[in-house]
Amino acid sequence: MVFRPQKTNFQLNVVENFKTLSLWADNPWRRYSISLIILLIGYFLGSSLGMVSAVVELMDPVSAFLSVVFIEILIVLRRNYRFERKKRFLVLLLDSLRLGLFYGFFTESLKLL
């Protein structure tokens, strides 16, 4: 006998709010504006992580490892949600975050040349 798991408070607040956000973002302008905001947040995180690790010289290998692990997690999440039609908005946001991180890391690496 299989029981359905109960809906937790986290599931009610976060998952269903994401569903309402994706319904709100049916308009292409809204969808791309949220995507642009997430891209800029990713750029900020990538450039600030590069600056912090450059200042604290001992943390370079650790920050590089954490950055690679975070980007790999984003890639695995994208691979899992790629074929689900209801999660296309989430895939767009994951790709925007990953692209922003890459841009941030790239511009920080140009500063070191």
N, C-alpha and C. Protein backbone atom coordinates (compact mmCIF):
# COMPACT_ATOMS: atom_id res chain seq x y z
N MET A 1 0.84 -1.16 0.00
CA MET A 1 0.00 0.00 0.00
C MET A 1 0.89 1.24 0.00
N VAL A 2 0.68 2.12 -0.95
CA VAL A 2 1.51 3.31 -1.11
C VAL A 2 0.74 4.52 -0.62
N PHE A 3 1.35 5.26 0.28
CA PHE A 3 0.74 6.47 0.80
C PHE A 3 1.32 7.68 0.07
N ARG A 4 0.45 8.64 -0.22
CA ARG A 4 0.93 9.89 -0.79
C ARG A 4 1.56 10.71 0.32
N PRO A 5 2.73 11.27 0.08
CA PRO A 5 3.34 12.10 1.13
C PRO A 5 2.51 13.37 1.34
N GLN A 6 2.48 13.80 2.58
CA GLN A 6 1.72 15.00 2.88
C GLN A 6 2.44 16.24 2.35
N LYS A 7 1.67 17.26 2.08
CA LYS A 7 2.27 18.50 1.59
C LYS A 7 2.81 19.28 2.78
N THR A 8 4.09 19.53 2.75
CA THR A 8 4.71 20.26 3.84
C THR A 8 4.53 21.76 3.64
N ASN A 9 4.85 22.50 4.66
CA ASN A 9 4.75 23.96 4.59
C ASN A 9 5.71 24.51 3.53
N PHE A 10 6.90 23.91 3.43
CA PHE A 10 7.87 24.33 2.41
C PHE A 10 7.30 24.12 1.02
N GLN A 11 6.70 22.97 0.80
CA GLN A 11 6.15 22.67 -0.51
C GLN A 11 5.02 23.63 -0.86
N LEU A 12 4.18 23.92 0.12
CA LEU A 12 3.08 24.84 -0.15
C LEU A 12 3.56 26.24 -0.45
N ASN A 13 4.58 26.71 0.27
CA ASN A 13 5.04 28.09 0.10
C ASN A 13 5.96 28.26 -1.11
N VAL A 14 6.91 27.36 -1.31
CA VAL A 14 7.92 27.56 -2.34
C VAL A 14 7.49 26.98 -3.69
N VAL A 15 7.09 25.74 -3.71
CA VAL A 15 6.78 25.08 -4.99
C VAL A 15 5.54 25.70 -5.63
N GLU A 16 4.52 25.93 -4.85
CA GLU A 16 3.31 26.50 -5.45
C GLU A 16 3.49 27.97 -5.80
N ASN A 17 4.36 28.68 -5.08
CA ASN A 17 4.66 30.06 -5.47
C ASN A 17 5.43 30.08 -6.78
N PHE A 18 6.28 29.08 -7.01
CA PHE A 18 6.98 29.01 -8.29
C PHE A 18 5.99 28.75 -9.42
N LYS A 19 4.97 27.95 -9.15
CA LYS A 19 3.94 27.72 -10.18
C LYS A 19 3.21 29.01 -10.51
N THR A 20 2.89 29.80 -9.50
CA THR A 20 2.21 31.06 -9.77
C THR A 20 3.15 32.04 -10.48
N LEU A 21 4.45 31.98 -10.15
CA LEU A 21 5.42 32.83 -10.84
C LEU A 21 5.51 32.44 -12.32
N SER A 22 5.52 31.15 -12.61
CA SER A 22 5.58 30.73 -14.01
C SER A 22 4.29 31.06 -14.75
N LEU A 23 3.15 31.04 -14.07
CA LEU A 23 1.91 31.48 -14.70
C LEU A 23 1.94 32.98 -14.96
N TRP A 24 2.50 33.73 -14.02
CA TRP A 24 2.61 35.17 -14.19
C TRP A 24 3.55 35.51 -15.35
N ALA A 25 4.54 34.67 -15.58
CA ALA A 25 5.54 34.93 -16.61
C ALA A 25 5.16 34.36 -17.97
N ASP A 26 3.89 34.11 -18.20
CA ASP A 26 3.47 33.68 -19.53
C ASP A 26 3.69 34.77 -20.56
N ASN A 27 3.62 36.00 -20.13
CA ASN A 27 3.90 37.14 -20.99
C ASN A 27 5.40 37.13 -21.31
N PRO A 28 5.79 37.20 -22.59
CA PRO A 28 7.22 37.13 -22.93
C PRO A 28 8.05 38.25 -22.32
N TRP A 29 7.49 39.46 -22.20
CA TRP A 29 8.25 40.56 -21.61
C TRP A 29 8.58 40.28 -20.16
N ARG A 30 7.61 39.75 -19.44
CA ARG A 30 7.85 39.42 -18.04
C ARG A 30 8.87 38.30 -17.90
N ARG A 31 8.74 37.29 -18.76
CA ARG A 31 9.65 36.15 -18.71
C ARG A 31 11.09 36.59 -18.97
N TYR A 32 11.28 37.41 -19.98
CA TYR A 32 12.64 37.84 -20.31
C TYR A 32 13.19 38.87 -19.33
N SER A 33 12.30 39.65 -18.72
CA SER A 33 12.80 40.59 -17.71
C SER A 33 13.26 39.85 -16.47
N ILE A 34 12.54 38.82 -16.05
CA ILE A 34 13.00 38.01 -14.91
C ILE A 34 14.28 37.29 -15.28
N SER A 35 14.37 36.81 -16.51
CA SER A 35 15.58 36.14 -16.96
C SER A 35 16.77 37.10 -16.94
N LEU A 36 16.56 38.34 -17.36
CA LEU A 36 17.63 39.34 -17.33
C LEU A 36 18.05 39.67 -15.90
N ILE A 37 17.07 39.76 -15.00
CA ILE A 37 17.40 40.02 -13.59
C ILE A 37 18.23 38.88 -13.02
N ILE A 38 17.87 37.64 -13.32
CA ILE A 38 18.63 36.48 -12.83
C ILE A 38 20.03 36.46 -13.46
N LEU A 39 20.14 36.84 -14.73
CA LEU A 39 21.45 36.91 -15.37
C LEU A 39 22.34 37.94 -14.67
N LEU A 40 21.78 39.10 -14.33
CA LEU A 40 22.57 40.13 -13.65
C LEU A 40 22.93 39.71 -12.22
N ILE A 41 22.05 38.98 -11.56
CA ILE A 41 22.38 38.45 -10.22
C ILE A 41 23.53 37.45 -10.34
N GLY A 42 23.48 36.59 -11.36
CA GLY A 42 24.58 35.64 -11.58
C GLY A 42 25.88 36.35 -11.90
N TYR A 43 25.81 37.43 -12.67
CA TYR A 43 27.01 38.20 -12.98
C TYR A 43 27.58 38.82 -11.71
N PHE A 44 26.70 39.36 -10.87
CA PHE A 44 27.15 39.94 -9.60
C PHE A 44 27.81 38.88 -8.73
N LEU A 45 27.20 37.70 -8.63
CA LEU A 45 27.78 36.64 -7.80
C LEU A 45 29.13 36.18 -8.35
N GLY A 46 29.23 36.04 -9.67
CA GLY A 46 30.48 35.60 -10.27
C GLY A 46 31.60 36.62 -10.10
N SER A 47 31.30 37.89 -10.30
CA SER A 47 32.34 38.90 -10.16
C SER A 47 32.71 39.13 -8.69
N SER A 48 31.73 39.06 -7.79
CA SER A 48 32.06 39.27 -6.38
C SER A 48 32.84 38.08 -5.82
N LEU A 49 32.54 36.87 -6.26
CA LEU A 49 33.31 35.71 -5.80
C LEU A 49 34.75 35.81 -6.30
N GLY A 50 34.93 36.29 -7.53
CA GLY A 50 36.28 36.48 -8.05
C GLY A 50 37.04 37.54 -7.29
N MET A 51 36.38 38.62 -6.91
CA MET A 51 37.05 39.68 -6.15
C MET A 51 37.42 39.22 -4.75
N VAL A 52 36.51 38.53 -4.09
CA VAL A 52 36.76 38.08 -2.72
C VAL A 52 37.90 37.06 -2.70
N SER A 53 37.90 36.14 -3.63
CA SER A 53 38.96 35.13 -3.64
C SER A 53 40.30 35.74 -4.03
N ALA A 54 40.30 36.82 -4.80
CA ALA A 54 41.57 37.46 -5.15
C ALA A 54 42.15 38.22 -3.96
N VAL A 55 41.29 38.74 -3.11
CA VAL A 55 41.77 39.49 -1.95
C VAL A 55 42.32 38.56 -0.89
N VAL A 56 41.65 37.43 -0.68
CA VAL A 56 42.05 36.50 0.38
C VAL A 56 42.97 35.44 -0.20
N GLU A 57 43.95 35.63 -0.84
CA GLU A 57 44.77 34.75 -1.66
C GLU A 57 44.78 33.27 -1.29
N LEU A 58 44.47 32.91 -0.07
CA LEU A 58 44.49 31.51 0.33
C LEU A 58 43.26 30.75 -0.16
N MET A 59 42.21 31.46 -0.51
CA MET A 59 40.95 30.81 -0.84
C MET A 59 40.78 30.54 -2.34
N ASP A 60 41.77 30.78 -3.15
CA ASP A 60 41.62 30.59 -4.59
C ASP A 60 41.22 29.16 -4.97
N PRO A 61 41.92 28.13 -4.50
CA PRO A 61 41.51 26.77 -4.88
C PRO A 61 40.13 26.40 -4.33
N VAL A 62 39.83 26.84 -3.13
CA VAL A 62 38.53 26.51 -2.53
C VAL A 62 37.40 27.19 -3.29
N SER A 63 37.57 28.45 -3.62
CA SER A 63 36.51 29.16 -4.35
C SER A 63 36.37 28.61 -5.76
N ALA A 64 37.45 28.22 -6.38
CA ALA A 64 37.36 27.62 -7.72
C ALA A 64 36.61 26.28 -7.65
N PHE A 65 36.90 25.50 -6.62
CA PHE A 65 36.21 24.22 -6.45
C PHE A 65 34.72 24.43 -6.21
N LEU A 66 34.38 25.36 -5.34
CA LEU A 66 32.97 25.63 -5.05
C LEU A 66 32.24 26.18 -6.27
N SER A 67 32.92 26.99 -7.05
CA SER A 67 32.31 27.52 -8.27
C SER A 67 32.01 26.42 -9.27
N VAL A 68 32.96 25.52 -9.46
CA VAL A 68 32.77 24.41 -10.39
C VAL A 68 31.65 23.49 -9.90
N VAL A 69 31.61 23.22 -8.61
CA VAL A 69 30.57 22.36 -8.06
C VAL A 69 29.19 23.01 -8.26
N PHE A 70 29.09 24.31 -8.00
CA PHE A 70 27.81 25.00 -8.16
C PHE A 70 27.35 25.00 -9.62
N ILE A 71 28.28 25.24 -10.54
CA ILE A 71 27.91 25.23 -11.96
C ILE A 71 27.53 23.83 -12.42
N GLU A 72 28.21 22.80 -11.91
CA GLU A 72 27.85 21.43 -12.26
C GLU A 72 26.46 21.07 -11.72
N ILE A 73 26.13 21.57 -10.54
CA ILE A 73 24.79 21.33 -9.99
C ILE A 73 23.74 21.98 -10.88
N LEU A 74 24.02 23.18 -11.36
CA LEU A 74 23.09 23.84 -12.27
C LEU A 74 22.93 23.06 -13.57
N ILE A 75 24.01 22.46 -14.06
CA ILE A 75 23.93 21.67 -15.29
C ILE A 75 23.11 20.41 -15.08
N VAL A 76 23.29 19.75 -13.93
CA VAL A 76 22.51 18.54 -13.63
C VAL A 76 21.03 18.88 -13.48
N LEU A 77 20.73 19.99 -12.81
CA LEU A 77 19.33 20.41 -12.68
C LEU A 77 18.71 20.71 -14.04
N ARG A 78 19.48 21.33 -14.91
CA ARG A 78 18.98 21.62 -16.25
C ARG A 78 18.70 20.34 -17.01
N ARG A 79 19.59 19.37 -16.87
CA ARG A 79 19.42 18.10 -17.56
C ARG A 79 18.17 17.37 -17.06
N ASN A 80 17.87 17.48 -15.76
CA ASN A 80 16.70 16.81 -15.21
C ASN A 80 15.39 17.47 -15.63
N TYR A 81 15.38 18.78 -15.78
CA TYR A 81 14.15 19.50 -16.09
C TYR A 81 13.99 19.84 -17.56
N ARG A 82 14.90 19.39 -18.39
CA ARG A 82 14.90 19.80 -19.79
C ARG A 82 13.65 19.36 -20.56
N PHE A 83 13.16 18.16 -20.31
CA PHE A 83 12.07 17.63 -21.14
C PHE A 83 10.69 17.84 -20.52
N GLU A 84 10.63 18.37 -19.30
CA GLU A 84 9.32 18.61 -18.70
C GLU A 84 8.78 19.94 -19.19
N ARG A 85 7.63 19.89 -19.78
CA ARG A 85 7.05 21.09 -20.39
C ARG A 85 6.70 22.16 -19.35
N LYS A 86 6.30 21.73 -18.17
CA LYS A 86 5.91 22.68 -17.14
C LYS A 86 7.11 23.38 -16.51
N LYS A 87 8.31 22.84 -16.69
CA LYS A 87 9.51 23.39 -16.06
C LYS A 87 10.38 24.19 -17.02
N ARG A 88 9.84 24.59 -18.15
CA ARG A 88 10.65 25.32 -19.13
C ARG A 88 11.10 26.68 -18.60
N PHE A 89 10.26 27.30 -17.80
CA PHE A 89 10.62 28.59 -17.22
C PHE A 89 11.77 28.42 -16.24
N LEU A 90 11.75 27.32 -15.47
CA LEU A 90 12.84 27.04 -14.54
C LEU A 90 14.15 26.78 -15.30
N VAL A 91 14.08 26.10 -16.43
CA VAL A 91 15.27 25.86 -17.24
C VAL A 91 15.83 27.18 -17.77
N LEU A 92 14.95 28.09 -18.17
CA LEU A 92 15.39 29.41 -18.63
C LEU A 92 16.10 30.17 -17.52
N LEU A 93 15.57 30.10 -16.30
CA LEU A 93 16.20 30.78 -15.18
C LEU A 93 17.54 30.15 -14.80
N LEU A 94 17.62 28.83 -14.85
CA LEU A 94 18.89 28.14 -14.56
C LEU A 94 19.95 28.50 -15.58
N ASP A 95 19.55 28.55 -16.86
CA ASP A 95 20.51 28.92 -17.90
C ASP A 95 20.97 30.37 -17.75
N SER A 96 20.06 31.25 -17.37
CA SER A 96 20.42 32.65 -17.19
C SER A 96 21.40 32.81 -16.02
N LEU A 97 21.16 32.10 -14.94
CA LEU A 97 22.06 32.15 -13.79
C LEU A 97 23.44 31.62 -14.15
N ARG A 98 23.47 30.52 -14.89
CA ARG A 98 24.75 29.93 -15.28
C ARG A 98 25.52 30.85 -16.23
N LEU A 99 24.81 31.47 -17.17
CA LEU A 99 25.46 32.39 -18.10
C LEU A 99 25.99 33.62 -17.37
N GLY A 100 25.23 34.13 -16.40
CA GLY A 100 25.70 35.26 -15.61
C GLY A 100 26.94 34.92 -14.80
N LEU A 101 26.98 33.72 -14.23
CA LEU A 101 28.17 33.29 -13.49
C LEU A 101 29.39 33.21 -14.42
N PHE A 102 29.20 32.63 -15.59
CA PHE A 102 30.32 32.55 -16.55
C PHE A 102 30.83 33.93 -16.94
N TYR A 103 29.91 34.83 -17.22
CA TYR A 103 30.30 36.20 -17.57
C TYR A 103 31.06 36.88 -16.45
N GLY A 104 30.58 36.70 -15.22
CA GLY A 104 31.26 37.29 -14.07
C GLY A 104 32.66 36.75 -13.90
N PHE A 105 32.81 35.43 -14.02
CA PHE A 105 34.14 34.83 -13.91
C PHE A 105 35.05 35.28 -15.05
N PHE A 106 34.48 35.41 -16.24
CA PHE A 106 35.28 35.79 -17.40
C PHE A 106 35.79 37.22 -17.26
N THR A 107 34.94 38.15 -16.85
CA THR A 107 35.40 39.54 -16.70
C THR A 107 36.40 39.68 -15.55
N GLU A 108 36.24 38.88 -14.49
CA GLU A 108 37.24 38.92 -13.41
C GLU A 108 38.57 38.35 -13.87
N SER A 109 38.52 37.36 -14.76
CA SER A 109 39.79 36.81 -15.27
C SER A 109 40.49 37.80 -16.19
N LEU A 110 39.72 38.61 -16.91
CA LEU A 110 40.36 39.65 -17.75
C LEU A 110 41.04 40.72 -16.93
N LYS A 111 40.55 40.96 -15.72
CA LYS A 111 41.19 41.95 -14.86
C LYS A 111 42.56 41.49 -14.39
N LEU A 112 42.78 40.17 -14.36
CA LEU A 112 44.04 39.64 -13.88
C LEU A 112 45.13 39.64 -14.94
N LEU A 113 44.78 39.89 -16.19
CA LEU A 113 45.80 39.89 -17.26
C LEU A 113 46.69 41.05 -17.21
